[in-house]
N, C-alpha and C. Protein backbone atom coordinates (compact mmCIF):
# COMPACT_ATOMS: atom_id res chain seq x y z
N UNK A 1 56.10 109.67 134.48
CA UNK A 1 55.85 110.81 133.61
C UNK A 1 55.85 110.33 132.16
N UNK A 2 54.88 110.70 131.38
CA UNK A 2 54.80 110.30 129.98
C UNK A 2 55.45 111.34 129.10
N UNK A 3 56.09 110.86 128.05
CA UNK A 3 56.75 111.78 127.13
C UNK A 3 55.76 112.29 126.10
N UNK A 4 56.16 113.32 125.38
CA UNK A 4 55.32 113.91 124.34
C UNK A 4 55.01 112.89 123.26
N UNK A 5 55.97 112.00 122.96
CA UNK A 5 55.74 111.01 121.91
C UNK A 5 54.66 110.01 122.29
N UNK A 6 54.49 109.76 123.60
CA UNK A 6 53.44 108.83 124.04
C UNK A 6 52.05 109.39 123.73
N UNK A 7 51.90 110.68 123.75
CA UNK A 7 50.61 111.32 123.53
C UNK A 7 50.37 111.72 122.08
N UNK A 8 51.40 111.63 121.25
CA UNK A 8 51.29 112.09 119.86
C UNK A 8 50.62 111.01 119.01
N UNK A 9 49.71 111.41 118.15
CA UNK A 9 49.01 110.48 117.26
C UNK A 9 49.75 110.39 115.93
N UNK A 10 50.72 109.48 115.86
CA UNK A 10 51.50 109.32 114.63
C UNK A 10 50.63 108.86 113.47
N UNK A 11 49.72 107.96 113.74
CA UNK A 11 48.83 107.47 112.69
C UNK A 11 47.98 108.60 112.12
N UNK A 12 47.46 109.44 113.01
CA UNK A 12 46.68 110.60 112.58
C UNK A 12 47.52 111.58 111.79
N UNK A 13 48.79 111.76 112.21
CA UNK A 13 49.69 112.66 111.49
C UNK A 13 49.98 112.14 110.09
N UNK A 14 50.16 110.83 109.96
CA UNK A 14 50.38 110.26 108.63
C UNK A 14 49.15 110.40 107.76
N UNK A 15 47.98 110.22 108.34
CA UNK A 15 46.72 110.42 107.58
C UNK A 15 46.61 111.87 107.12
N UNK A 16 47.00 112.80 107.99
CA UNK A 16 46.97 114.22 107.62
C UNK A 16 47.98 114.50 106.51
N UNK A 17 49.15 113.88 106.57
CA UNK A 17 50.14 114.04 105.50
C UNK A 17 49.57 113.53 104.18
N UNK A 18 48.92 112.37 104.24
CA UNK A 18 48.32 111.80 103.03
C UNK A 18 47.26 112.74 102.46
N UNK A 19 46.62 113.52 103.34
CA UNK A 19 45.59 114.48 102.91
C UNK A 19 46.20 115.81 102.45
N UNK A 20 47.52 115.91 102.53
CA UNK A 20 48.18 117.11 102.04
C UNK A 20 48.43 118.18 103.09
N UNK A 21 48.35 117.85 104.35
CA UNK A 21 48.57 118.83 105.41
C UNK A 21 50.06 118.91 105.76
N UNK A 22 50.70 119.94 105.28
CA UNK A 22 52.14 120.13 105.52
C UNK A 22 52.46 120.26 107.01
N UNK A 23 51.53 120.84 107.75
CA UNK A 23 51.77 121.04 109.18
C UNK A 23 51.93 119.71 109.92
N UNK A 24 51.29 118.66 109.45
CA UNK A 24 51.41 117.34 110.08
C UNK A 24 52.84 116.81 109.92
N UNK A 25 53.40 116.96 108.74
CA UNK A 25 54.78 116.53 108.51
C UNK A 25 55.73 117.35 109.38
N UNK A 26 55.45 118.63 109.48
CA UNK A 26 56.27 119.51 110.31
C UNK A 26 56.21 119.09 111.78
N UNK A 27 55.04 118.70 112.25
CA UNK A 27 54.90 118.24 113.64
C UNK A 27 55.71 116.97 113.88
N UNK A 28 55.66 116.05 112.90
CA UNK A 28 56.45 114.82 113.03
C UNK A 28 57.94 115.18 113.10
N UNK A 29 58.35 116.09 112.25
CA UNK A 29 59.76 116.50 112.24
C UNK A 29 60.16 117.15 113.56
N UNK A 30 59.32 118.04 114.07
CA UNK A 30 59.63 118.71 115.33
C UNK A 30 59.75 117.71 116.48
N UNK A 31 58.89 116.74 116.48
CA UNK A 31 58.86 115.77 117.57
C UNK A 31 59.96 114.71 117.46
N UNK A 32 60.20 114.23 116.27
CA UNK A 32 61.09 113.08 116.09
C UNK A 32 62.37 113.37 115.31
N UNK A 33 62.50 114.57 114.75
CA UNK A 33 63.64 114.87 113.88
C UNK A 33 65.00 114.58 114.50
N UNK A 34 65.19 114.98 115.74
CA UNK A 34 66.49 114.75 116.40
C UNK A 34 66.81 113.28 116.57
N UNK A 35 65.82 112.51 117.00
CA UNK A 35 66.04 111.07 117.18
C UNK A 35 66.24 110.38 115.84
N UNK A 36 65.48 110.80 114.84
CA UNK A 36 65.63 110.20 113.51
C UNK A 36 67.00 110.52 112.92
N UNK A 37 67.48 111.74 113.16
CA UNK A 37 68.83 112.09 112.72
C UNK A 37 69.85 111.18 113.40
N UNK A 38 69.63 110.91 114.68
CA UNK A 38 70.51 110.01 115.42
C UNK A 38 70.54 108.61 114.82
N UNK A 39 69.38 108.11 114.40
CA UNK A 39 69.31 106.79 113.76
C UNK A 39 70.15 106.79 112.48
N UNK A 40 69.94 107.79 111.65
CA UNK A 40 70.68 107.87 110.39
C UNK A 40 72.18 108.03 110.66
N UNK A 41 72.53 108.85 111.63
CA UNK A 41 73.94 109.12 111.95
C UNK A 41 74.65 107.86 112.45
N UNK A 42 73.97 107.06 113.24
CA UNK A 42 74.58 105.81 113.71
C UNK A 42 74.88 104.87 112.56
N UNK A 43 74.12 104.94 111.49
CA UNK A 43 74.32 104.04 110.36
C UNK A 43 75.35 104.59 109.38
N UNK A 44 75.20 105.86 108.98
CA UNK A 44 76.08 106.41 107.94
C UNK A 44 77.36 107.03 108.48
N UNK A 45 77.37 107.39 109.77
CA UNK A 45 78.54 107.88 110.49
C UNK A 45 79.07 109.24 110.05
N UNK A 46 78.31 109.96 109.25
CA UNK A 46 78.69 111.33 108.86
C UNK A 46 77.45 112.20 108.95
N UNK A 47 77.58 113.32 109.67
CA UNK A 47 76.41 114.17 109.89
C UNK A 47 75.84 114.72 108.59
N UNK A 48 76.68 115.16 107.67
CA UNK A 48 76.15 115.73 106.43
C UNK A 48 75.35 114.71 105.64
N UNK A 49 75.83 113.47 105.62
CA UNK A 49 75.11 112.42 104.91
C UNK A 49 73.84 112.06 105.68
N UNK A 50 73.93 111.99 107.00
CA UNK A 50 72.76 111.68 107.82
C UNK A 50 71.66 112.72 107.60
N UNK A 51 72.05 113.99 107.49
CA UNK A 51 71.06 115.04 107.23
C UNK A 51 70.41 114.85 105.87
N UNK A 52 71.20 114.46 104.86
CA UNK A 52 70.63 114.19 103.54
C UNK A 52 69.68 113.00 103.59
N UNK A 53 70.08 111.95 104.31
CA UNK A 53 69.22 110.77 104.45
C UNK A 53 67.91 111.17 105.12
N UNK A 54 67.99 111.98 106.17
CA UNK A 54 66.79 112.42 106.89
C UNK A 54 65.87 113.24 105.98
N UNK A 55 66.47 114.14 105.22
CA UNK A 55 65.68 114.94 104.28
C UNK A 55 64.95 114.04 103.29
N UNK A 56 65.69 113.11 102.69
CA UNK A 56 65.08 112.20 101.72
C UNK A 56 63.99 111.35 102.37
N UNK A 57 64.23 110.95 103.62
CA UNK A 57 63.23 110.15 104.34
C UNK A 57 61.94 110.94 104.54
N UNK A 58 62.05 112.23 104.88
CA UNK A 58 60.83 113.02 105.09
C UNK A 58 60.11 113.27 103.78
N UNK A 59 60.85 113.38 102.69
CA UNK A 59 60.20 113.49 101.38
C UNK A 59 59.43 112.19 101.12
N UNK A 60 60.07 111.08 101.41
CA UNK A 60 59.42 109.77 101.20
C UNK A 60 58.21 109.61 102.13
N UNK A 61 58.33 110.02 103.37
CA UNK A 61 57.20 109.95 104.31
C UNK A 61 56.02 110.75 103.74
N UNK A 62 56.31 111.95 103.25
CA UNK A 62 55.26 112.80 102.68
C UNK A 62 54.61 112.12 101.48
N UNK A 63 55.45 111.58 100.59
CA UNK A 63 54.93 110.99 99.35
C UNK A 63 54.21 109.66 99.60
N UNK A 64 54.63 108.90 100.59
CA UNK A 64 54.10 107.55 100.81
C UNK A 64 53.18 107.43 102.03
N UNK A 65 52.83 108.54 102.65
CA UNK A 65 52.01 108.48 103.86
C UNK A 65 50.71 107.70 103.64
N UNK A 66 50.13 107.81 102.47
CA UNK A 66 48.88 107.11 102.19
C UNK A 66 49.07 105.60 102.15
N UNK A 67 50.30 105.14 101.95
CA UNK A 67 50.54 103.70 101.86
C UNK A 67 50.75 103.05 103.23
N UNK A 68 50.78 103.86 104.31
CA UNK A 68 50.94 103.29 105.64
C UNK A 68 49.74 102.41 105.97
N UNK A 69 50.05 101.19 106.46
CA UNK A 69 49.01 100.22 106.81
C UNK A 69 49.13 99.90 108.30
N UNK A 70 48.20 100.38 109.12
CA UNK A 70 48.29 100.15 110.57
C UNK A 70 48.23 98.68 110.97
N UNK A 71 47.73 97.82 110.10
CA UNK A 71 47.67 96.40 110.44
C UNK A 71 49.05 95.74 110.38
N UNK A 72 50.01 96.44 109.79
CA UNK A 72 51.37 95.89 109.65
C UNK A 72 52.34 96.43 110.70
N UNK A 73 51.92 97.37 111.51
CA UNK A 73 52.79 97.91 112.53
C UNK A 73 52.39 99.33 112.91
N UNK A 74 53.17 99.90 113.83
CA UNK A 74 52.85 101.24 114.31
C UNK A 74 53.31 102.30 113.31
N UNK A 75 52.65 103.43 113.36
CA UNK A 75 53.01 104.55 112.48
C UNK A 75 54.41 105.06 112.81
N UNK A 76 54.72 105.13 114.10
CA UNK A 76 56.04 105.61 114.51
C UNK A 76 57.11 104.64 114.01
N UNK A 77 56.87 103.35 114.14
CA UNK A 77 57.81 102.35 113.63
C UNK A 77 58.00 102.46 112.13
N UNK A 78 56.91 102.75 111.41
CA UNK A 78 56.97 102.91 109.96
C UNK A 78 57.87 104.09 109.60
N UNK A 79 57.74 105.19 110.33
CA UNK A 79 58.55 106.38 110.09
C UNK A 79 60.02 106.06 110.33
N UNK A 80 60.31 105.39 111.44
CA UNK A 80 61.70 105.03 111.75
C UNK A 80 62.26 104.06 110.71
N UNK A 81 61.43 103.15 110.22
CA UNK A 81 61.93 102.19 109.23
C UNK A 81 62.29 102.89 107.92
N UNK A 82 61.57 103.93 107.58
CA UNK A 82 61.90 104.67 106.35
C UNK A 82 63.27 105.32 106.49
N UNK A 83 63.55 105.92 107.63
CA UNK A 83 64.86 106.54 107.86
C UNK A 83 65.95 105.47 107.86
N UNK A 84 65.70 104.39 108.59
CA UNK A 84 66.69 103.31 108.69
C UNK A 84 66.99 102.72 107.31
N UNK A 85 65.95 102.42 106.54
CA UNK A 85 66.16 101.85 105.21
C UNK A 85 66.87 102.84 104.29
N UNK A 86 66.54 104.11 104.41
CA UNK A 86 67.22 105.12 103.60
C UNK A 86 68.71 105.17 103.91
N UNK A 87 69.06 105.10 105.19
CA UNK A 87 70.47 105.12 105.58
C UNK A 87 71.18 103.86 105.10
N UNK A 88 70.54 102.71 105.26
CA UNK A 88 71.14 101.45 104.80
C UNK A 88 71.29 101.43 103.28
N UNK A 89 70.31 101.96 102.57
CA UNK A 89 70.41 102.05 101.11
C UNK A 89 71.57 102.94 100.70
N UNK A 90 71.76 104.04 101.42
CA UNK A 90 72.88 104.92 101.11
C UNK A 90 74.20 104.17 101.28
N UNK A 91 74.34 103.44 102.38
CA UNK A 91 75.56 102.68 102.63
C UNK A 91 75.77 101.66 101.53
N UNK A 92 74.72 100.93 101.19
CA UNK A 92 74.83 99.90 100.15
C UNK A 92 75.19 100.53 98.80
N UNK A 93 74.53 101.61 98.44
CA UNK A 93 74.75 102.24 97.15
C UNK A 93 76.13 102.86 97.01
N UNK A 94 76.73 103.24 98.14
CA UNK A 94 78.02 103.91 98.08
C UNK A 94 79.17 103.05 98.60
N UNK A 95 78.91 101.79 98.88
CA UNK A 95 79.93 100.92 99.45
C UNK A 95 81.09 100.68 98.50
N UNK A 96 80.85 100.75 97.22
CA UNK A 96 81.91 100.46 96.25
C UNK A 96 82.63 101.70 95.77
N UNK A 97 82.18 102.86 96.23
CA UNK A 97 82.85 104.09 95.83
C UNK A 97 84.17 104.22 96.56
N UNK A 98 85.23 104.57 95.83
CA UNK A 98 86.51 104.86 96.42
C UNK A 98 86.84 106.29 96.04
N UNK A 99 86.85 107.20 97.02
CA UNK A 99 87.09 108.59 96.67
C UNK A 99 88.49 108.78 96.09
N UNK A 100 88.56 109.53 95.01
CA UNK A 100 89.84 109.82 94.40
C UNK A 100 90.58 110.85 95.23
N UNK A 101 91.85 110.64 95.41
CA UNK A 101 92.68 111.58 96.14
C UNK A 101 92.82 112.84 95.28
N UNK A 102 92.70 114.02 95.89
CA UNK A 102 92.78 115.27 95.14
C UNK A 102 94.08 115.39 94.36
N UNK A 103 95.18 114.93 94.93
CA UNK A 103 96.46 115.07 94.24
C UNK A 103 96.47 114.25 92.96
N UNK A 104 95.83 113.07 92.97
CA UNK A 104 95.75 112.26 91.75
C UNK A 104 94.87 112.95 90.72
N UNK A 105 93.73 113.48 91.15
CA UNK A 105 92.82 114.16 90.24
C UNK A 105 93.49 115.38 89.63
N UNK A 106 94.18 116.17 90.45
CA UNK A 106 94.86 117.35 89.93
C UNK A 106 95.96 116.98 88.95
N UNK A 107 96.71 115.92 89.24
CA UNK A 107 97.80 115.54 88.34
C UNK A 107 97.26 115.05 87.01
N UNK A 108 96.11 114.39 87.03
CA UNK A 108 95.52 113.92 85.78
C UNK A 108 94.98 115.11 85.00
N UNK A 109 94.42 116.10 85.72
CA UNK A 109 93.92 117.30 85.05
C UNK A 109 95.04 118.09 84.41
N UNK A 110 96.22 118.04 84.98
CA UNK A 110 97.36 118.78 84.45
C UNK A 110 98.25 117.82 83.68
N UNK A 111 97.78 117.37 82.53
CA UNK A 111 98.50 116.37 81.76
C UNK A 111 99.79 116.90 81.15
N UNK A 112 100.10 118.16 81.39
CA UNK A 112 101.35 118.69 80.88
C UNK A 112 102.53 118.00 81.55
N UNK A 113 102.29 117.49 82.72
CA UNK A 113 103.33 116.76 83.44
C UNK A 113 103.47 115.37 82.84
N UNK A 114 104.70 114.94 82.61
CA UNK A 114 104.92 113.62 82.01
C UNK A 114 104.85 112.52 83.07
N UNK A 115 104.91 112.91 84.34
CA UNK A 115 104.87 111.92 85.41
C UNK A 115 103.45 111.73 85.91
N UNK A 116 102.96 110.50 85.87
CA UNK A 116 101.65 110.18 86.41
C UNK A 116 101.88 109.42 87.70
N UNK A 117 101.34 109.91 88.83
CA UNK A 117 101.57 109.21 90.10
C UNK A 117 100.97 107.81 90.06
N UNK A 118 101.56 106.92 90.82
CA UNK A 118 101.10 105.55 90.88
C UNK A 118 99.75 105.51 91.59
N UNK A 119 98.66 105.19 90.89
CA UNK A 119 97.34 105.19 91.52
C UNK A 119 97.23 104.21 92.70
N UNK A 120 98.01 103.16 92.69
CA UNK A 120 97.98 102.19 93.79
C UNK A 120 98.27 102.88 95.12
N UNK A 121 99.27 103.74 95.16
CA UNK A 121 99.60 104.44 96.39
C UNK A 121 98.49 105.41 96.78
N UNK A 122 97.83 105.99 95.80
CA UNK A 122 96.72 106.89 96.09
C UNK A 122 95.56 106.13 96.73
N UNK A 123 95.27 104.92 96.24
CA UNK A 123 94.20 104.12 96.81
C UNK A 123 94.55 103.71 98.23
N UNK A 124 95.77 103.32 98.46
CA UNK A 124 96.18 102.93 99.81
C UNK A 124 96.08 104.09 100.78
N UNK A 125 96.38 105.29 100.31
CA UNK A 125 96.31 106.45 101.19
C UNK A 125 94.88 106.84 101.51
N UNK A 126 93.95 106.59 100.58
CA UNK A 126 92.59 107.07 100.77
C UNK A 126 91.59 105.97 101.12
N UNK A 127 92.00 104.74 101.25
CA UNK A 127 91.08 103.65 101.52
C UNK A 127 91.59 102.75 102.62
N UNK A 128 90.69 102.02 103.21
CA UNK A 128 91.09 101.03 104.19
C UNK A 128 91.70 99.85 103.46
N UNK A 129 92.75 99.28 104.07
CA UNK A 129 93.40 98.13 103.46
C UNK A 129 92.47 96.93 103.58
N UNK A 130 92.53 96.07 102.63
CA UNK A 130 91.71 94.86 102.63
C UNK A 130 92.31 93.86 101.68
N UNK A 131 91.60 92.80 101.46
CA UNK A 131 92.11 91.74 100.60
C UNK A 131 92.36 92.24 99.18
N UNK A 132 91.48 93.06 98.66
CA UNK A 132 91.68 93.58 97.31
C UNK A 132 92.98 94.37 97.21
N UNK A 133 93.25 95.19 98.23
CA UNK A 133 94.45 96.00 98.21
C UNK A 133 95.70 95.13 98.36
N UNK A 134 95.58 94.06 99.14
CA UNK A 134 96.70 93.12 99.25
C UNK A 134 96.97 92.48 97.90
N UNK A 135 95.90 92.09 97.21
CA UNK A 135 96.05 91.47 95.90
C UNK A 135 96.59 92.47 94.88
N UNK A 136 96.11 93.71 94.96
CA UNK A 136 96.66 94.74 94.06
C UNK A 136 98.15 94.93 94.31
N UNK A 137 98.56 94.82 95.56
CA UNK A 137 99.97 94.98 95.92
C UNK A 137 100.85 93.90 95.34
N UNK A 138 100.27 92.78 95.01
CA UNK A 138 101.05 91.67 94.43
C UNK A 138 101.27 91.84 92.94
N UNK A 139 100.49 92.72 92.32
CA UNK A 139 100.67 92.97 90.88
C UNK A 139 101.88 93.86 90.64
N UNK A 140 102.49 93.69 89.47
CA UNK A 140 103.58 94.62 89.15
C UNK A 140 102.97 95.99 88.84
N UNK A 141 103.77 97.02 88.95
CA UNK A 141 103.30 98.41 88.86
C UNK A 141 102.53 98.72 87.57
N UNK A 142 103.01 98.30 86.39
CA UNK A 142 102.26 98.65 85.17
C UNK A 142 100.84 98.05 85.13
N UNK A 143 100.70 96.79 85.56
CA UNK A 143 99.37 96.16 85.57
C UNK A 143 98.47 96.85 86.59
N UNK A 144 99.01 97.10 87.76
CA UNK A 144 98.25 97.74 88.83
C UNK A 144 97.79 99.13 88.40
N UNK A 145 98.70 99.92 87.85
CA UNK A 145 98.35 101.28 87.41
C UNK A 145 97.30 101.25 86.31
N UNK A 146 97.45 100.34 85.37
CA UNK A 146 96.49 100.25 84.27
C UNK A 146 95.10 99.91 84.77
N UNK A 147 95.01 98.95 85.69
CA UNK A 147 93.71 98.53 86.23
C UNK A 147 93.08 99.68 87.02
N UNK A 148 93.85 100.34 87.85
CA UNK A 148 93.30 101.41 88.66
C UNK A 148 92.88 102.61 87.82
N UNK A 149 93.66 102.93 86.80
CA UNK A 149 93.26 104.03 85.91
C UNK A 149 91.97 103.68 85.18
N UNK A 150 91.83 102.41 84.79
CA UNK A 150 90.62 101.99 84.07
C UNK A 150 89.40 101.97 84.98
N UNK A 151 89.55 101.41 86.18
CA UNK A 151 88.37 101.18 87.03
C UNK A 151 88.10 102.29 88.03
N UNK A 152 89.11 103.01 88.45
CA UNK A 152 88.86 104.11 89.39
C UNK A 152 88.66 105.43 88.67
N UNK A 153 89.42 105.64 87.62
CA UNK A 153 89.32 106.91 86.90
C UNK A 153 88.44 106.83 85.67
N UNK A 154 88.08 105.60 85.25
CA UNK A 154 87.21 105.44 84.08
C UNK A 154 87.91 105.72 82.77
N UNK A 155 89.22 105.60 82.75
CA UNK A 155 89.99 105.85 81.53
C UNK A 155 89.79 104.72 80.52
N UNK A 156 89.79 105.07 79.26
CA UNK A 156 89.75 104.06 78.21
C UNK A 156 91.14 103.48 78.06
N UNK A 157 91.24 102.36 77.34
CA UNK A 157 92.55 101.75 77.11
C UNK A 157 93.47 102.73 76.38
N UNK A 158 92.91 103.45 75.42
CA UNK A 158 93.72 104.42 74.66
C UNK A 158 94.23 105.54 75.57
N UNK A 159 93.39 106.02 76.49
CA UNK A 159 93.82 107.08 77.42
C UNK A 159 94.91 106.57 78.35
N UNK A 160 94.78 105.34 78.80
CA UNK A 160 95.82 104.76 79.66
C UNK A 160 97.12 104.62 78.90
N UNK A 161 97.04 104.15 77.67
CA UNK A 161 98.25 104.01 76.84
C UNK A 161 98.94 105.36 76.67
N UNK A 162 98.16 106.41 76.45
CA UNK A 162 98.74 107.74 76.29
C UNK A 162 99.37 108.23 77.59
N UNK A 163 98.70 108.04 78.69
CA UNK A 163 99.22 108.50 79.98
C UNK A 163 100.48 107.75 80.41
N UNK A 164 100.52 106.48 80.09
CA UNK A 164 101.68 105.68 80.49
C UNK A 164 102.73 105.59 79.39
N UNK A 165 102.45 106.25 78.26
CA UNK A 165 103.38 106.24 77.12
C UNK A 165 103.76 104.81 76.76
N UNK A 166 102.73 103.99 76.57
CA UNK A 166 102.90 102.56 76.30
C UNK A 166 101.98 102.18 75.14
N UNK A 167 102.39 101.22 74.30
CA UNK A 167 101.52 100.80 73.20
C UNK A 167 100.17 100.27 73.70
N UNK A 168 99.12 100.52 72.92
CA UNK A 168 97.77 100.15 73.29
C UNK A 168 97.64 98.65 73.56
N UNK A 169 98.21 97.83 72.73
CA UNK A 169 98.14 96.38 72.91
C UNK A 169 98.76 95.93 74.22
N UNK A 170 99.83 96.59 74.62
CA UNK A 170 100.49 96.26 75.88
C UNK A 170 99.59 96.60 77.06
N UNK A 171 98.94 97.76 77.00
CA UNK A 171 98.03 98.16 78.08
C UNK A 171 96.87 97.17 78.18
N UNK A 172 96.31 96.76 77.05
CA UNK A 172 95.21 95.79 77.07
C UNK A 172 95.67 94.48 77.69
N UNK A 173 96.87 94.05 77.36
CA UNK A 173 97.40 92.80 77.92
C UNK A 173 97.62 92.94 79.42
N UNK A 174 98.15 94.09 79.86
CA UNK A 174 98.37 94.32 81.29
C UNK A 174 97.05 94.22 82.05
N UNK A 175 96.03 94.86 81.52
CA UNK A 175 94.73 94.86 82.19
C UNK A 175 94.16 93.44 82.22
N UNK A 176 94.19 92.74 81.11
CA UNK A 176 93.65 91.39 81.04
C UNK A 176 94.38 90.46 82.01
N UNK A 177 95.72 90.49 81.98
CA UNK A 177 96.52 89.63 82.86
C UNK A 177 96.37 90.04 84.33
N UNK A 178 96.31 91.34 84.57
CA UNK A 178 96.15 91.85 85.94
C UNK A 178 94.82 91.43 86.54
N UNK A 179 93.75 91.53 85.74
CA UNK A 179 92.43 91.12 86.23
C UNK A 179 92.38 89.62 86.51
N UNK A 180 93.04 88.84 85.67
CA UNK A 180 93.11 87.39 85.89
C UNK A 180 93.85 87.10 87.18
N UNK A 181 94.96 87.80 87.43
CA UNK A 181 95.72 87.61 88.66
C UNK A 181 94.90 88.00 89.88
N UNK A 182 94.15 89.11 89.77
CA UNK A 182 93.29 89.53 90.89
C UNK A 182 92.21 88.49 91.16
N UNK A 183 91.62 87.96 90.10
CA UNK A 183 90.58 86.94 90.25
C UNK A 183 91.12 85.72 90.99
N UNK A 184 92.32 85.29 90.63
CA UNK A 184 92.94 84.12 91.28
C UNK A 184 93.28 84.45 92.73
N UNK A 185 93.78 85.65 92.98
CA UNK A 185 94.17 86.04 94.33
C UNK A 185 92.94 86.13 95.25
N UNK A 186 91.84 86.65 94.73
CA UNK A 186 90.64 86.84 95.54
C UNK A 186 89.83 85.56 95.73
N UNK A 187 90.11 84.55 94.94
CA UNK A 187 89.35 83.28 95.02
C UNK A 187 89.69 82.49 96.25
């Protein structure tokens, strides 16, 4: 028994998309949307992100349909590669993001409190442990907090000095020495 995809003219559908026929893109989505979502989901591992990747991929398919070259491969393969590359690009683009813990964000927003939680513990709670976290653990608390406030929260040296109630020069030294220690530890 042959499946519907065996009889579908993907190349013709892409040509129709290039000609501005919205119904052709809709037919591709109806036929392949579920499987394409599965491809994205296997890569990004979150349904909401996979749905965004799929949406962006269909926008790209619509915009780039005219660039499809049948001499380089099948139309169906081209469609799948757009989804796959979109998912991989998302992973690559977001690999360095470390989500801030809500409690840390709220405590920073409420600066009326004189106590600033140790960002190191927040990173450990919200991230997978790795070599960087091991190296951060070897730093003393002031250096670690200063580096994390600077690089995770985007605080300036002056903002860190104010939050930690420490002279600006001391904060700069902590960050400089802490980064040097991290560099040596990671080498």
